[in-house]
Each structure stands twice: as structure tokens, then as C-alpha cells.
Amino acid sequence: MVLFWRSLGILCVAIGSVGVVVPLLPTTPFLLLAAWAFAKGSERWRAWLLDHPRLGPCIRAWQTERAIPYRAKVLAVASLLLSLLIALWLALPPVALGLQATALVLVSAFILTRPTAC
């Protein structure tokens, strides 16, 4: 089972690393998942991820305080707004726009109500 958790952690770090350079591919959720998987499969690799100078502080902030960096909040809400504007521009049906707007407002509220960190 340890091999499974290590493999999952490595896969998540790889996907998260790709997400750094590929637009629309999220990085943070995969790194958080990697830290969780490494906690079950390899304390050494988990420590490496948490001690990483660039990634570690934000992962630790989420794990201890459920905090999101200010820059990430701004980018997330801007991306959500942009997706709604694209849907409006594409003239999606009103029901679809309403459902999308509702979901985006709820997600934005969740993001903006988390503590700010990093």
C-alpha cells in the first residue's frame, strides 16, 4: 500500500508541475493531494514537499490554517469571472448561465472567505 501512496504522490507532483506552465491546469490541488498521499506513503517525500522553498509555505498554510495566498485568490476569482464573461459572449441558454453564475458565486465566496496567507 505504501507504494500506491508514493506513486500517487509522485503523479500528483508531476501533474502539478505541468500545471505551473500549462494554463487552466491547476497546480495547487495536485500539490495538496501529493502532500496528503506522501503523508501515507513516505514521510521523507512529504518533508521534501513541505520544506520546498517555493511550494512548502503555501501547502503548510493550507494544512494548518486553510489559508489561500492573496495572489491565488485574485487569479481564481478573475478566472471565474472570465469564464462567466465567455459564457455570456457565447450566448449560452439562460438556464446554463444561471447555473454557472450560481456555482461561480459559491466558489468565489468560498475562496474569498478563507484566510489569506503566503
C-alpha atoms as a PDB file:
ATOM      1  CA  MET A   1       0.000   0.000   0.000  1.00  0.00           C
ATOM      2  CA  VAL A   2       2.946   2.313   0.665  1.00  0.00           C
ATOM      3  CA  LEU A   3       3.967   2.008  -2.982  1.00  0.00           C
ATOM      4  CA  PHE A   4       0.481   3.108  -4.049  1.00  0.00           C
ATOM      5  CA  TRP A   5       0.612   6.269  -1.894  1.00  0.00           C
ATOM      6  CA  ARG A   6       4.127   7.137  -3.072  1.00  0.00           C
ATOM      7  CA  SER A   7       3.112   6.619  -6.681  1.00  0.00           C
ATOM      8  CA  LEU A   8       0.026   8.774  -6.231  1.00  0.00           C
ATOM      9  CA  GLY A   9       2.145  11.499  -4.635  1.00  0.00           C
ATOM     10  CA  ILE A  10       4.688  11.419  -7.449  1.00  0.00           C
ATOM     11  CA  LEU A  11       1.926  11.509 -10.065  1.00  0.00           C
ATOM     12  CA  CYS A  12       0.306  14.492  -8.353  1.00  0.00           C
ATOM     13  CA  VAL A  13       3.607  16.386  -8.142  1.00  0.00           C
ATOM     14  CA  ALA A  14       4.182  15.681 -11.842  1.00  0.00           C
ATOM     15  CA  ILE A  15       0.716  16.925 -12.823  1.00  0.00           C
ATOM     16  CA  GLY A  16       1.083  19.940 -10.547  1.00  0.00           C
ATOM     17  CA  SER A  17       4.449  20.727 -12.121  1.00  0.00           C
ATOM     18  CA  VAL A  18       2.900  20.662 -15.579  1.00  0.00           C
ATOM     19  CA  GLY A  19       0.160  22.938 -14.255  1.00  0.00           C
ATOM     20  CA  VAL A  20       2.758  25.604 -13.488  1.00  0.00           C
ATOM     21  CA  VAL A  21       3.301  26.184 -17.207  1.00  0.00           C
ATOM     22  CA  VAL A  22       0.037  24.972 -18.792  1.00  0.00           C
ATOM     23  CA  PRO A  23      -2.859  27.407 -18.486  1.00  0.00           C
ATOM     24  CA  LEU A  24      -6.100  26.081 -16.970  1.00  0.00           C
ATOM     25  CA  LEU A  25      -4.374  23.076 -15.377  1.00  0.00           C
ATOM     26  CA  PRO A  26      -4.466  23.681 -11.621  1.00  0.00           C
ATOM     27  CA  THR A  27      -1.282  23.246  -9.632  1.00  0.00           C
ATOM     28  CA  THR A  28      -2.343  23.714  -6.041  1.00  0.00           C
ATOM     29  CA  PRO A  29      -4.927  20.921  -5.699  1.00  0.00           C
ATOM     30  CA  PHE A  30      -2.464  18.389  -7.062  1.00  0.00           C
ATOM     31  CA  LEU A  31       0.287  19.524  -4.692  1.00  0.00           C
ATOM     32  CA  LEU A  32      -2.097  19.350  -1.736  1.00  0.00           C
ATOM     33  CA  LEU A  33      -3.110  15.860  -2.811  1.00  0.00           C
ATOM     34  CA  ALA A  34       0.572  14.924  -3.169  1.00  0.00           C
ATOM     35  CA  ALA A  35       1.301  16.097   0.385  1.00  0.00           C
ATOM     36  CA  TRP A  36      -1.637  14.029   1.645  1.00  0.00           C
ATOM     37  CA  ALA A  37      -0.532  10.937  -0.289  1.00  0.00           C
ATOM     38  CA  PHE A  38       3.088  11.302   0.829  1.00  0.00           C
ATOM     39  CA  ALA A  39       1.891  11.517   4.447  1.00  0.00           C
ATOM     40  CA  LYS A  40       0.554   7.985   3.981  1.00  0.00           C
ATOM     41  CA  GLY A  41       3.419   6.636   1.890  1.00  0.00           C
ATOM     42  CA  SER A  42       6.670   8.462   2.559  1.00  0.00           C
ATOM     43  CA  GLU A  43       7.388  10.874   5.376  1.00  0.00           C
ATOM     44  CA  ARG A  44      10.694  11.743   3.700  1.00  0.00           C
ATOM     45  CA  TRP A  45       8.999  12.838   0.459  1.00  0.00           C
ATOM     46  CA  ARG A  46       6.304  14.680   2.395  1.00  0.00           C
ATOM     47  CA  ALA A  47       9.020  16.554   4.286  1.00  0.00           C
ATOM     48  CA  TRP A  48      10.726  17.372   0.963  1.00  0.00           C
ATOM     49  CA  LEU A  49       7.483  18.839  -0.391  1.00  0.00           C
ATOM     50  CA  LEU A  50       6.685  20.796   2.778  1.00  0.00           C
ATOM     51  CA  ASP A  51      10.273  22.072   3.042  1.00  0.00           C
ATOM     52  CA  HIS A  52      10.375  23.144  -0.609  1.00  0.00           C
ATOM     53  CA  PRO A  53      11.230  26.871  -0.577  1.00  0.00           C
ATOM     54  CA  ARG A  54       8.585  27.830  -3.163  1.00  0.00           C
ATOM     55  CA  LEU A  55       5.785  25.314  -2.586  1.00  0.00           C
ATOM     56  CA  GLY A  56       6.119  24.407   1.072  1.00  0.00           C
ATOM     57  CA  PRO A  57       4.883  27.605   2.742  1.00  0.00           C
ATOM     58  CA  CYS A  58       1.585  27.630   0.857  1.00  0.00           C
ATOM     59  CA  ILE A  59       0.963  23.926   1.435  1.00  0.00           C
ATOM     60  CA  ARG A  60       1.685  24.306   5.145  1.00  0.00           C
ATOM     61  CA  ALA A  61      -0.592  27.380   5.315  1.00  0.00           C
ATOM     62  CA  TRP A  62      -3.453  25.387   3.822  1.00  0.00           C
ATOM     63  CA  GLN A  63      -2.857  22.400   6.094  1.00  0.00           C
ATOM     64  CA  THR A  64      -2.649  24.437   9.288  1.00  0.00           C
ATOM     65  CA  GLU A  65      -4.954  27.409   8.649  1.00  0.00           C
ATOM     66  CA  ARG A  66      -6.886  26.534   5.470  1.00  0.00           C
ATOM     67  CA  ALA A  67      -5.367  29.762   4.097  1.00  0.00           C
ATOM     68  CA  ILE A  68      -5.028  30.749   0.426  1.00  0.00           C
ATOM     69  CA  PRO A  69      -2.400  33.201  -0.882  1.00  0.00           C
ATOM     70  CA  TYR A  70      -3.726  36.614  -1.947  1.00  0.00           C
ATOM     71  CA  ARG A  71      -2.386  36.258  -5.487  1.00  0.00           C
ATOM     72  CA  ALA A  72      -4.101  32.880  -5.868  1.00  0.00           C
ATOM     73  CA  LYS A  73      -7.377  34.372  -4.663  1.00  0.00           C
ATOM     74  CA  VAL A  74      -7.180  37.191  -7.197  1.00  0.00           C
ATOM     75  CA  LEU A  75      -6.286  34.850 -10.059  1.00  0.00           C
ATOM     76  CA  ALA A  76      -9.005  32.366  -9.137  1.00  0.00           C
ATOM     77  CA  VAL A  77     -11.790  34.930  -8.916  1.00  0.00           C
ATOM     78  CA  ALA A  78     -10.592  36.644 -12.117  1.00  0.00           C
ATOM     79  CA  SER A  79     -10.620  33.276 -13.908  1.00  0.00           C
ATOM     80  CA  LEU A  80     -14.118  32.545 -12.666  1.00  0.00           C
ATOM     81  CA  LEU A  81     -15.326  35.946 -13.855  1.00  0.00           C
ATOM     82  CA  LEU A  82     -13.643  35.458 -17.229  1.00  0.00           C
ATOM     83  CA  SER A  83     -15.357  32.099 -17.679  1.00  0.00           C
ATOM     84  CA  LEU A  84     -18.736  33.720 -16.994  1.00  0.00           C
ATOM     85  CA  LEU A  85     -17.991  36.508 -19.471  1.00  0.00           C
ATOM     86  CA  ILE A  86     -17.091  33.934 -22.115  1.00  0.00           C
ATOM     87  CA  ALA A  87     -20.362  32.112 -21.449  1.00  0.00           C
ATOM     88  CA  LEU A  88     -22.242  35.400 -21.863  1.00  0.00           C
ATOM     89  CA  TRP A  89     -20.350  36.155 -25.078  1.00  0.00           C
ATOM     90  CA  LEU A  90     -21.225  32.696 -26.407  1.00  0.00           C
ATOM     91  CA  ALA A  91     -24.864  33.433 -25.571  1.00  0.00           C
ATOM     92  CA  LEU A  92     -25.429  30.221 -23.646  1.00  0.00           C
ATOM     93  CA  PRO A  93     -29.030  29.426 -22.682  1.00  0.00           C
ATOM     94  CA  PRO A  94     -30.311  31.370 -19.649  1.00  0.00           C
ATOM     95  CA  VAL A  95     -30.624  28.223 -17.530  1.00  0.00           C
ATOM     96  CA  ALA A  96     -26.979  27.345 -18.178  1.00  0.00           C
ATOM     97  CA  LEU A  97     -25.892  30.917 -17.402  1.00  0.00           C
ATOM     98  CA  GLY A  98     -27.888  30.895 -14.194  1.00  0.00           C
ATOM     99  CA  LEU A  99     -26.426  27.604 -13.014  1.00  0.00           C
ATOM    100  CA  GLN A 100     -22.921  28.695 -13.942  1.00  0.00           C
ATOM    101  CA  ALA A 101     -23.294  32.072 -12.227  1.00  0.00           C
ATOM    102  CA  THR A 102     -24.619  30.406  -9.080  1.00  0.00           C
ATOM    103  CA  ALA A 103     -21.735  27.933  -8.973  1.00  0.00           C
ATOM    104  CA  LEU A 104     -19.175  30.678  -9.612  1.00  0.00           C
ATOM    105  CA  VAL A 105     -20.590  32.883  -6.870  1.00  0.00           C
ATOM    106  CA  LEU A 106     -20.469  29.991  -4.394  1.00  0.00           C
ATOM    107  CA  VAL A 107     -16.902  29.066  -5.349  1.00  0.00           C
ATOM    108  CA  SER A 108     -15.821  32.713  -5.180  1.00  0.00           C
ATOM    109  CA  ALA A 109     -17.409  33.065  -1.743  1.00  0.00           C
ATOM    110  CA  PHE A 110     -15.523  30.006  -0.525  1.00  0.00           C
ATOM    111  CA  ILE A 111     -12.218  31.322  -1.879  1.00  0.00           C
ATOM    112  CA  LEU A 112     -12.674  34.846  -0.536  1.00  0.00           C
ATOM    113  CA  THR A 113     -13.726  33.711   2.931  1.00  0.00           C
ATOM    114  CA  ARG A 114     -10.579  31.638   3.501  1.00  0.00           C
ATOM    115  CA  PRO A 115      -7.784  33.338   5.442  1.00  0.00           C
ATOM    116  CA  THR A 116      -5.054  34.941   3.343  1.00  0.00           C
ATOM    117  CA  ALA A 117      -1.527  33.503   3.592  1.00  0.00           C
ATOM    118  CA  CYS A 118       1.901  33.348   1.964  1.00  0.00           C
END
